[in-house]
Amino acid sequence: TSPTFVIMKKYPIGKASGVRGRTYLYHFDAYRLEHEEELLNLKWQEIIESKENIVIVEWPKQVSNAMPRDTHTISIEIGEGEQRIFELK
């Protein structure tokens, strides 16, 4: 579910997920953010520094200065028909 109206959603990662050593998945939608400070007000630094978290950011270009240097990017493009093309950088 996109957090468009709340900017951030926090989901617990259950043991059944198979993801070990992680407690939460944070999903940020930065589309409506105009400044990195808005992200920082959501405890951004604390969230990204914790090894227990997985963090996903939609529209990261909106807050590019706040993104860590070791950020992985997944680009999704629409291909033919229902095809989606994923590129990991």
PDB file of N, CA and C in Angstrom:
ATOM      1  N   THR A   1       0.848  -1.177   0.000  1.00  0.00           N
ATOM      2  CA  THR A   1       0.000   0.000   0.000  1.00  0.00           C
ATOM      3  C   THR A   1       0.889   1.234   0.000  1.00  0.00           C
ATOM      4  N   SER A   2       0.640   2.155  -0.908  1.00  0.00           N
ATOM      5  CA  SER A   2       1.431   3.381  -0.966  1.00  0.00           C
ATOM      6  C   SER A   2       1.064   4.310   0.183  1.00  0.00           C
ATOM      7  N   PRO A   3       2.071   4.863   0.869  1.00  0.00           N
ATOM      8  CA  PRO A   3       1.784   5.776   1.980  1.00  0.00           C
ATOM      9  C   PRO A   3       1.601   7.222   1.525  1.00  0.00           C
ATOM     10  N   THR A   4       1.086   7.428   0.329  1.00  0.00           N
ATOM     11  CA  THR A   4       0.981   8.765  -0.255  1.00  0.00           C
ATOM     12  C   THR A   4       0.439   9.802   0.711  1.00  0.00           C
ATOM     13  N   PHE A   5      -0.549   9.463   1.500  1.00  0.00           N
ATOM     14  CA  PHE A   5      -1.170  10.458   2.356  1.00  0.00           C
ATOM     15  C   PHE A   5      -0.510  10.584   3.722  1.00  0.00           C
ATOM     16  N   VAL A   6       0.415   9.696   4.050  1.00  0.00           N
ATOM     17  CA  VAL A   6       1.053   9.765   5.357  1.00  0.00           C
ATOM     18  C   VAL A   6       2.564   9.910   5.276  1.00  0.00           C
ATOM     19  N   ILE A   7       3.146   9.927   4.118  1.00  0.00           N
ATOM     20  CA  ILE A   7       4.581  10.064   3.872  1.00  0.00           C
ATOM     21  C   ILE A   7       5.359   8.826   4.302  1.00  0.00           C
ATOM     22  N   MET A   8       5.079   8.259   5.468  1.00  0.00           N
ATOM     23  CA  MET A   8       5.834   7.104   5.958  1.00  0.00           C
ATOM     24  C   MET A   8       4.889   6.075   6.565  1.00  0.00           C
ATOM     25  N   LYS A   9       5.189   4.816   6.277  1.00  0.00           N
ATOM     26  CA  LYS A   9       4.505   3.710   6.944  1.00  0.00           C
ATOM     27  C   LYS A   9       5.570   2.768   7.492  1.00  0.00           C
ATOM     28  N   LYS A  10       5.276   2.189   8.631  1.00  0.00           N
ATOM     29  CA  LYS A  10       6.186   1.272   9.310  1.00  0.00           C
ATOM     30  C   LYS A  10       5.485  -0.072   9.436  1.00  0.00           C
ATOM     31  N   TYR A  11       6.136  -1.118   8.921  1.00  0.00           N
ATOM     32  CA  TYR A  11       5.557  -2.455   8.953  1.00  0.00           C
ATOM     33  C   TYR A  11       6.470  -3.387   9.746  1.00  0.00           C
ATOM     34  N   PRO A  12       5.922  -4.161  10.668  1.00  0.00           N
ATOM     35  CA  PRO A  12       6.748  -5.161  11.358  1.00  0.00           C
ATOM     36  C   PRO A  12       7.078  -6.306  10.394  1.00  0.00           C
ATOM     37  N   ILE A  13       8.292  -6.795  10.490  1.00  0.00           N
ATOM     38  CA  ILE A  13       8.701  -7.940   9.680  1.00  0.00           C
ATOM     39  C   ILE A  13       8.593  -9.167  10.570  1.00  0.00           C
ATOM     40  N   GLY A  14       7.672 -10.031  10.247  1.00  0.00           N
ATOM     41  CA  GLY A  14       7.454 -11.226  11.053  1.00  0.00           C
ATOM     42  C   GLY A  14       8.481 -12.303  10.776  1.00  0.00           C
ATOM     43  N   LYS A  15       8.631 -13.211  11.695  1.00  0.00           N
ATOM     44  CA  LYS A  15       9.573 -14.322  11.544  1.00  0.00           C
ATOM     45  C   LYS A  15       9.247 -15.179  10.330  1.00  0.00           C
ATOM     46  N   ALA A  16       7.975 -15.276  10.001  1.00  0.00           N
ATOM     47  CA  ALA A  16       7.558 -16.107   8.870  1.00  0.00           C
ATOM     48  C   ALA A  16       8.008 -15.531   7.529  1.00  0.00           C
ATOM     49  N   SER A  17       8.445 -14.269   7.507  1.00  0.00           N
ATOM     50  CA  SER A  17       8.863 -13.643   6.246  1.00  0.00           C
ATOM     51  C   SER A  17      10.162 -14.236   5.715  1.00  0.00           C
ATOM     52  N   GLY A  18      10.941 -14.837   6.589  1.00  0.00           N
ATOM     53  CA  GLY A  18      12.226 -15.389   6.173  1.00  0.00           C
ATOM     54  C   GLY A  18      13.346 -14.354   6.182  1.00  0.00           C
ATOM     55  N   VAL A  19      13.050 -13.125   6.563  1.00  0.00           N
ATOM     56  CA  VAL A  19      14.051 -12.060   6.626  1.00  0.00           C
ATOM     57  C   VAL A  19      14.622 -12.057   8.037  1.00  0.00           C
ATOM     58  N   ARG A  20      15.865 -12.463   8.160  1.00  0.00           N
ATOM     59  CA  ARG A  20      16.479 -12.571   9.487  1.00  0.00           C
ATOM     60  C   ARG A  20      17.207 -11.289   9.864  1.00  0.00           C
ATOM     61  N   GLY A  21      17.162 -10.964  11.142  1.00  0.00           N
ATOM     62  CA  GLY A  21      17.903  -9.833  11.669  1.00  0.00           C
ATOM     63  C   GLY A  21      17.271  -8.484  11.372  1.00  0.00           C
ATOM     64  N   ARG A  22      16.094  -8.484  10.809  1.00  0.00           N
ATOM     65  CA  ARG A  22      15.405  -7.223  10.512  1.00  0.00           C
ATOM     66  C   ARG A  22      14.083  -7.212  11.260  1.00  0.00           C
ATOM     67  N   THR A  23      13.720  -6.055  11.795  1.00  0.00           N
ATOM     68  CA  THR A  23      12.522  -5.933  12.604  1.00  0.00           C
ATOM     69  C   THR A  23      11.408  -5.177  11.892  1.00  0.00           C
ATOM     70  N   TYR A  24      11.790  -4.114  11.144  1.00  0.00           N
ATOM     71  CA  TYR A  24      10.785  -3.276  10.495  1.00  0.00           C
ATOM     72  C   TYR A  24      11.149  -2.960   9.048  1.00  0.00           C
ATOM     73  N   LEU A  25      10.112  -2.767   8.256  1.00  0.00           N
ATOM     74  CA  LEU A  25      10.248  -2.232   6.912  1.00  0.00           C
ATOM     75  C   LEU A  25       9.606  -0.854   6.941  1.00  0.00           C
ATOM     76  N   TYR A  26      10.369   0.160   6.571  1.00  0.00           N
ATOM     77  CA  TYR A  26       9.858   1.527   6.486  1.00  0.00           C
ATOM     78  C   TYR A  26       9.652   1.860   5.016  1.00  0.00           C
ATOM     79  N   HIS A  27       8.495   2.380   4.693  1.00  0.00           N
ATOM     80  CA  HIS A  27       8.143   2.761   3.327  1.00  0.00           C
ATOM     81  C   HIS A  27       7.858   4.256   3.327  1.00  0.00           C
ATOM     82  N   PHE A  28       8.714   5.008   2.643  1.00  0.00           N
ATOM     83  CA  PHE A  28       8.555   6.456   2.538  1.00  0.00           C
ATOM     84  C   PHE A  28       8.093   6.811   1.134  1.00  0.00           C
ATOM     85  N   ASP A  29       7.194   7.760   1.027  1.00  0.00           N
ATOM     86  CA  ASP A  29       6.788   8.318  -0.252  1.00  0.00           C
ATOM     87  C   ASP A  29       7.169   9.795  -0.208  1.00  0.00           C
ATOM     88  N   ALA A  30       8.251  10.138  -0.899  1.00  0.00           N
ATOM     89  CA  ALA A  30       8.802  11.495  -0.833  1.00  0.00           C
ATOM     90  C   ALA A  30       8.251  12.427  -1.900  1.00  0.00           C
ATOM     91  N   TYR A  31       7.251  11.989  -2.630  1.00  0.00           N
ATOM     92  CA  TYR A  31       6.730  12.773  -3.746  1.00  0.00           C
ATOM     93  C   TYR A  31       6.344  14.206  -3.350  1.00  0.00           C
ATOM     94  N   ARG A  32       5.676  14.347  -2.220  1.00  0.00           N
ATOM     95  CA  ARG A  32       5.190  15.662  -1.803  1.00  0.00           C
ATOM     96  C   ARG A  32       6.180  16.443  -0.945  1.00  0.00           C
ATOM     97  N   LEU A  33       7.344  15.849  -0.650  1.00  0.00           N
ATOM     98  CA  LEU A  33       8.326  16.559   0.166  1.00  0.00           C
ATOM     99  C   LEU A  33       9.075  17.577  -0.683  1.00  0.00           C
ATOM    100  N   GLU A  34       9.262  18.751  -0.139  1.00  0.00           N
ATOM    101  CA  GLU A  34       9.961  19.804  -0.869  1.00  0.00           C
ATOM    102  C   GLU A  34      11.389  19.993  -0.386  1.00  0.00           C
ATOM    103  N   HIS A  35      11.688  19.547   0.838  1.00  0.00           N
ATOM    104  CA  HIS A  35      13.012  19.729   1.417  1.00  0.00           C
ATOM    105  C   HIS A  35      13.407  18.489   2.208  1.00  0.00           C
ATOM    106  N   GLU A  36      14.706  18.195   2.242  1.00  0.00           N
ATOM    107  CA  GLU A  36      15.202  17.050   3.002  1.00  0.00           C
ATOM    108  C   GLU A  36      14.871  17.169   4.486  1.00  0.00           C
ATOM    109  N   GLU A  37      14.758  18.395   4.977  1.00  0.00           N
ATOM    110  CA  GLU A  37      14.461  18.606   6.392  1.00  0.00           C
ATOM    111  C   GLU A  37      13.149  17.932   6.804  1.00  0.00           C
ATOM    112  N   GLU A  38      12.208  17.877   5.889  1.00  0.00           N
ATOM    113  CA  GLU A  38      10.928  17.229   6.188  1.00  0.00           C
ATOM    114  C   GLU A  38      11.141  15.746   6.472  1.00  0.00           C
ATOM    115  N   LEU A  39      12.065  15.142   5.756  1.00  0.00           N
ATOM    116  CA  LEU A  39      12.405  13.739   5.973  1.00  0.00           C
ATOM    117  C   LEU A  39      13.147  13.580   7.298  1.00  0.00           C
ATOM    118  N   LEU A  40      14.052  14.473   7.574  1.00  0.00           N
ATOM    119  CA  LEU A  40      14.819  14.412   8.822  1.00  0.00           C
ATOM    120  C   LEU A  40      13.920  14.529  10.038  1.00  0.00           C
ATOM    121  N   ASN A  41      12.825  15.252   9.929  1.00  0.00           N
ATOM    122  CA  ASN A  41      11.875  15.402  11.042  1.00  0.00           C
ATOM    123  C   ASN A  41      11.147  14.106  11.363  1.00  0.00           C
ATOM    124  N   LEU A  42      11.232  13.123  10.485  1.00  0.00           N
ATOM    125  CA  LEU A  42      10.581  11.827  10.709  1.00  0.00           C
ATOM    126  C   LEU A  42      11.554  10.801  11.297  1.00  0.00           C
ATOM    127  N   LYS A  43      12.610  11.289  11.956  1.00  0.00           N
ATOM    128  CA  LYS A  43      13.655  10.442  12.548  1.00  0.00           C
ATOM    129  C   LYS A  43      14.400   9.649  11.477  1.00  0.00           C
ATOM    130  N   TRP A  44      14.548  10.220  10.306  1.00  0.00           N
ATOM    131  CA  TRP A  44      15.201   9.584   9.165  1.00  0.00           C
ATOM    132  C   TRP A  44      16.572   9.014   9.525  1.00  0.00           C
ATOM    133  N   GLN A  45      17.426   9.827  10.126  1.00  0.00           N
ATOM    134  CA  GLN A  45      18.788   9.383  10.416  1.00  0.00           C
ATOM    135  C   GLN A  45      18.791   8.156  11.319  1.00  0.00           C
ATOM    136  N   GLU A  46      17.978   8.178  12.339  1.00  0.00           N
ATOM    137  CA  GLU A  46      17.870   7.048  13.268  1.00  0.00           C
ATOM    138  C   GLU A  46      17.374   5.793  12.548  1.00  0.00           C
ATOM    139  N   ILE A  47      16.410   5.955  11.673  1.00  0.00           N
ATOM    140  CA  ILE A  47      15.829   4.822  10.941  1.00  0.00           C
ATOM    141  C   ILE A  47      16.839   4.193   9.994  1.00  0.00           C
ATOM    142  N   ILE A  48      17.561   5.011   9.220  1.00  0.00           N
ATOM    143  CA  ILE A  48      18.490   4.433   8.242  1.00  0.00           C
ATOM    144  C   ILE A  48      19.755   3.883   8.877  1.00  0.00           C
ATOM    145  N   GLU A  49      20.099   4.342  10.064  1.00  0.00           N
ATOM    146  CA  GLU A  49      21.302   3.849  10.728  1.00  0.00           C
ATOM    147  C   GLU A  49      21.088   2.519  11.437  1.00  0.00           C
ATOM    148  N   SER A  50      19.855   2.161  11.703  1.00  0.00           N
ATOM    149  CA  SER A  50      19.575   0.910  12.413  1.00  0.00           C
ATOM    150  C   SER A  50      19.667  -0.279  11.458  1.00  0.00           C
ATOM    151  N   LYS A  51      20.463  -1.256  11.823  1.00  0.00           N
ATOM    152  CA  LYS A  51      20.616  -2.485  11.036  1.00  0.00           C
ATOM    153  C   LYS A  51      19.352  -3.343  11.079  1.00  0.00           C
ATOM    154  N   GLU A  52      18.423  -3.022  11.974  1.00  0.00           N
ATOM    155  CA  GLU A  52      17.185  -3.791  12.099  1.00  0.00           C
ATOM    156  C   GLU A  52      16.141  -3.389  11.060  1.00  0.00           C
ATOM    157  N   ASN A  53      16.397  -2.306  10.327  1.00  0.00           N
ATOM    158  CA  ASN A  53      15.397  -1.779   9.409  1.00  0.00           C
ATOM    159  C   ASN A  53      15.740  -2.006   7.939  1.00  0.00           C
ATOM    160  N   ILE A  54      14.705  -2.193   7.160  1.00  0.00           N
ATOM    161  CA  ILE A  54      14.792  -2.135   5.712  1.00  0.00           C
ATOM    162  C   ILE A  54      14.023  -0.876   5.328  1.00  0.00           C
ATOM    163  N   VAL A  55      14.612  -0.046   4.485  1.00  0.00           N
ATOM    164  CA  VAL A  55      13.997   1.233   4.134  1.00  0.00           C
ATOM    165  C   VAL A  55      13.802   1.316   2.624  1.00  0.00           C
ATOM    166  N   ILE A  56      12.580   1.631   2.214  1.00  0.00           N
ATOM    167  CA  ILE A  56      12.240   1.806   0.803  1.00  0.00           C
ATOM    168  C   ILE A  56      11.721   3.233   0.639  1.00  0.00           C
ATOM    169  N   VAL A  57      12.235   3.930  -0.381  1.00  0.00           N
ATOM    170  CA  VAL A  57      11.828   5.312  -0.624  1.00  0.00           C
ATOM    171  C   VAL A  57      11.340   5.447  -2.063  1.00  0.00           C
ATOM    172  N   GLU A  58      10.081   5.855  -2.204  1.00  0.00           N
ATOM    173  CA  GLU A  58       9.562   6.210  -3.524  1.00  0.00           C
ATOM    174  C   GLU A  58       9.907   7.677  -3.772  1.00  0.00           C
ATOM    175  N   TRP A  59      10.236   8.018  -4.983  1.00  0.00           N
ATOM    176  CA  TRP A  59      10.596   9.373  -5.372  1.00  0.00           C
ATOM    177  C   TRP A  59      11.837   9.860  -4.615  1.00  0.00           C
ATOM    178  N   PRO A  60      12.917   9.087  -4.601  1.00  0.00           N
ATOM    179  CA  PRO A  60      14.114   9.483  -3.840  1.00  0.00           C
ATOM    180  C   PRO A  60      14.785  10.745  -4.373  1.00  0.00           C
ATOM    181  N   LYS A  61      14.537  11.114  -5.620  1.00  0.00           N
ATOM    182  CA  LYS A  61      15.148  12.333  -6.156  1.00  0.00           C
ATOM    183  C   LYS A  61      14.669  13.570  -5.399  1.00  0.00           C
ATOM    184  N   GLN A  62      13.479  13.482  -4.803  1.00  0.00           N
ATOM    185  CA  GLN A  62      12.942  14.605  -4.032  1.00  0.00           C
ATOM    186  C   GLN A  62      13.793  14.897  -2.792  1.00  0.00           C
ATOM    187  N   VAL A  63      14.487  13.867  -2.296  1.00  0.00           N
ATOM    188  CA  VAL A  63      15.277  13.993  -1.066  1.00  0.00           C
ATOM    189  C   VAL A  63      16.687  13.440  -1.270  1.00  0.00           C
ATOM    190  N   SER A  64      17.225  13.631  -2.440  1.00  0.00           N
ATOM    191  CA  SER A  64      18.499  13.006  -2.812  1.00  0.00           C
ATOM    192  C   SER A  64      19.653  13.335  -1.874  1.00  0.00           C
ATOM    193  N   ASN A  65      19.677  14.522  -1.302  1.00  0.00           N
ATOM    194  CA  ASN A  65      20.769  14.885  -0.390  1.00  0.00           C
ATOM    195  C   ASN A  65      20.709  14.133   0.929  1.00  0.00           C
ATOM    196  N   ALA A  66      19.569  13.581   1.271  1.00  0.00           N
ATOM    197  CA  ALA A  66      19.421  12.841   2.530  1.00  0.00           C
ATOM    198  C   ALA A  66      19.678  11.344   2.355  1.00  0.00           C
ATOM    199  N   MET A  67      19.792  10.901   1.114  1.00  0.00           N
ATOM    200  CA  MET A  67      19.975   9.469   0.864  1.00  0.00           C
ATOM    201  C   MET A  67      21.405   9.054   1.207  1.00  0.00           C
ATOM    202  N   PRO A  68      21.592   7.891   1.862  1.00  0.00           N
ATOM    203  CA  PRO A  68      22.939   7.417   2.189  1.00  0.00           C
ATOM    204  C   PRO A  68      23.747   7.135   0.915  1.00  0.00           C
ATOM    205  N   ARG A  69      25.068   7.196   1.040  1.00  0.00           N
ATOM    206  CA  ARG A  69      25.951   6.951  -0.110  1.00  0.00           C
ATOM    207  C   ARG A  69      25.820   5.531  -0.651  1.00  0.00           C
ATOM    208  N   ASP A  70      25.543   4.577   0.223  1.00  0.00           N
ATOM    209  CA  ASP A  70      25.471   3.173  -0.206  1.00  0.00           C
ATOM    210  C   ASP A  70      24.051   2.746  -0.589  1.00  0.00           C
ATOM    211  N   THR A  71      23.242   3.693  -1.029  1.00  0.00           N
ATOM    212  CA  THR A  71      21.864   3.418  -1.417  1.00  0.00           C
ATOM    213  C   THR A  71      21.809   2.568  -2.678  1.00  0.00           C
ATOM    214  N   HIS A  72      20.929   1.592  -2.686  1.00  0.00           N
ATOM    215  CA  HIS A  72      20.651   0.797  -3.885  1.00  0.00           C
ATOM    216  C   HIS A  72      19.385   1.363  -4.518  1.00  0.00           C
ATOM    217  N   THR A  73      19.379   1.450  -5.821  1.00  0.00           N
ATOM    218  CA  THR A  73      18.229   1.999  -6.525  1.00  0.00           C
ATOM    219  C   THR A  73      17.606   0.925  -7.415  1.00  0.00           C
ATOM    220  N   ILE A  74      16.293   0.811  -7.348  1.00  0.00           N
ATOM    221  CA  ILE A  74      15.549  -0.073  -8.244  1.00  0.00           C
ATOM    222  C   ILE A  74      14.653   0.811  -9.093  1.00  0.00           C
ATOM    223  N   SER A  75      14.901   0.802 -10.384  1.00  0.00           N
ATOM    224  CA  SER A  75      14.060   1.552 -11.321  1.00  0.00           C
ATOM    225  C   SER A  75      13.062   0.590 -11.944  1.00  0.00           C
ATOM    226  N   ILE A  76      11.821   1.025 -12.061  1.00  0.00           N
ATOM    227  CA  ILE A  76      10.773   0.191 -12.662  1.00  0.00           C
ATOM    228  C   ILE A  76      10.203   0.940 -13.856  1.00  0.00           C
ATOM    229  N   GLU A  77      10.256   0.299 -15.008  1.00  0.00           N
ATOM    230  CA  GLU A  77       9.698   0.882 -16.224  1.00  0.00           C
ATOM    231  C   GLU A  77       8.601  -0.017 -16.756  1.00  0.00           C
ATOM    232  N   ILE A  78       7.679   0.581 -17.471  1.00  0.00           N
ATOM    233  CA  ILE A  78       6.611  -0.195 -18.103  1.00  0.00           C
ATOM    234  C   ILE A  78       7.108  -0.680 -19.450  1.00  0.00           C
ATOM    235  N   GLY A  79       7.019  -1.988 -19.647  1.00  0.00           N
ATOM    236  CA  GLY A  79       7.399  -2.590 -20.918  1.00  0.00           C
ATOM    237  C   GLY A  79       6.163  -2.799 -21.769  1.00  0.00           C
ATOM    238  N   GLU A  80       6.202  -3.798 -22.595  1.00  0.00           N
ATOM    239  CA  GLU A  80       5.057  -4.107 -23.455  1.00  0.00           C
ATOM    240  C   GLU A  80       3.961  -4.798 -22.646  1.00  0.00           C
ATOM    241  N   GLY A  81       2.731  -4.402 -22.888  1.00  0.00           N
ATOM    242  CA  GLY A  81       1.596  -5.028 -22.201  1.00  0.00           C
ATOM    243  C   GLY A  81       1.715  -4.885 -20.699  1.00  0.00           C
ATOM    244  N   GLU A  82       1.691  -6.010 -20.010  1.00  0.00           N
ATOM    245  CA  GLU A  82       1.778  -6.030 -18.544  1.00  0.00           C
ATOM    246  C   GLU A  82       3.217  -6.161 -18.056  1.00  0.00           C
ATOM    247  N   GLN A  83       4.178  -6.160 -18.944  1.00  0.00           N
ATOM    248  CA  GLN A  83       5.588  -6.361 -18.591  1.00  0.00           C
ATOM    249  C   GLN A  83       6.144  -5.156 -17.822  1.00  0.00           C
ATOM    250  N   ARG A  84       6.927  -5.435 -16.804  1.00  0.00           N
ATOM    251  CA  ARG A  84       7.636  -4.410 -16.057  1.00  0.00           C
ATOM    252  C   ARG A  84       9.133  -4.736 -16.118  1.00  0.00           C
ATOM    253  N   ILE A  85       9.933  -3.706 -16.287  1.00  0.00           N
ATOM    254  CA  ILE A  85      11.368  -3.875 -16.395  1.00  0.00           C
ATOM    255  C   ILE A  85      12.011  -3.282 -15.140  1.00  0.00           C
ATOM    256  N   PHE A  86      12.719  -4.120 -14.393  1.00  0.00           N
ATOM    257  CA  PHE A  86      13.382  -3.703 -13.148  1.00  0.00           C
ATOM    258  C   PHE A  86      14.872  -3.587 -13.398  1.00  0.00           C
ATOM    259  N   GLU A  87      15.464  -2.499 -12.918  1.00  0.00           N
ATOM    260  CA  GLU A  87      16.892  -2.312 -13.026  1.00  0.00           C
ATOM    261  C   GLU A  87      17.435  -1.967 -11.651  1.00  0.00           C
ATOM    262  N   LEU A  88      18.408  -2.760 -11.171  1.00  0.00           N
ATOM    263  CA  LEU A  88      19.012  -2.542  -9.870  1.00  0.00           C
ATOM    264  C   LEU A  88      20.364  -1.850 -10.074  1.00  0.00           C
ATOM    265  N   LYS A  89      20.549  -0.738  -9.396  1.00  0.00           N
ATOM    266  CA  LYS A  89      21.823   0.015  -9.477  1.00  0.00           C
ATOM    267  C   LYS A  89      22.432   0.106  -8.103  1.00  0.00           C
TER     268      LYS A  89
END
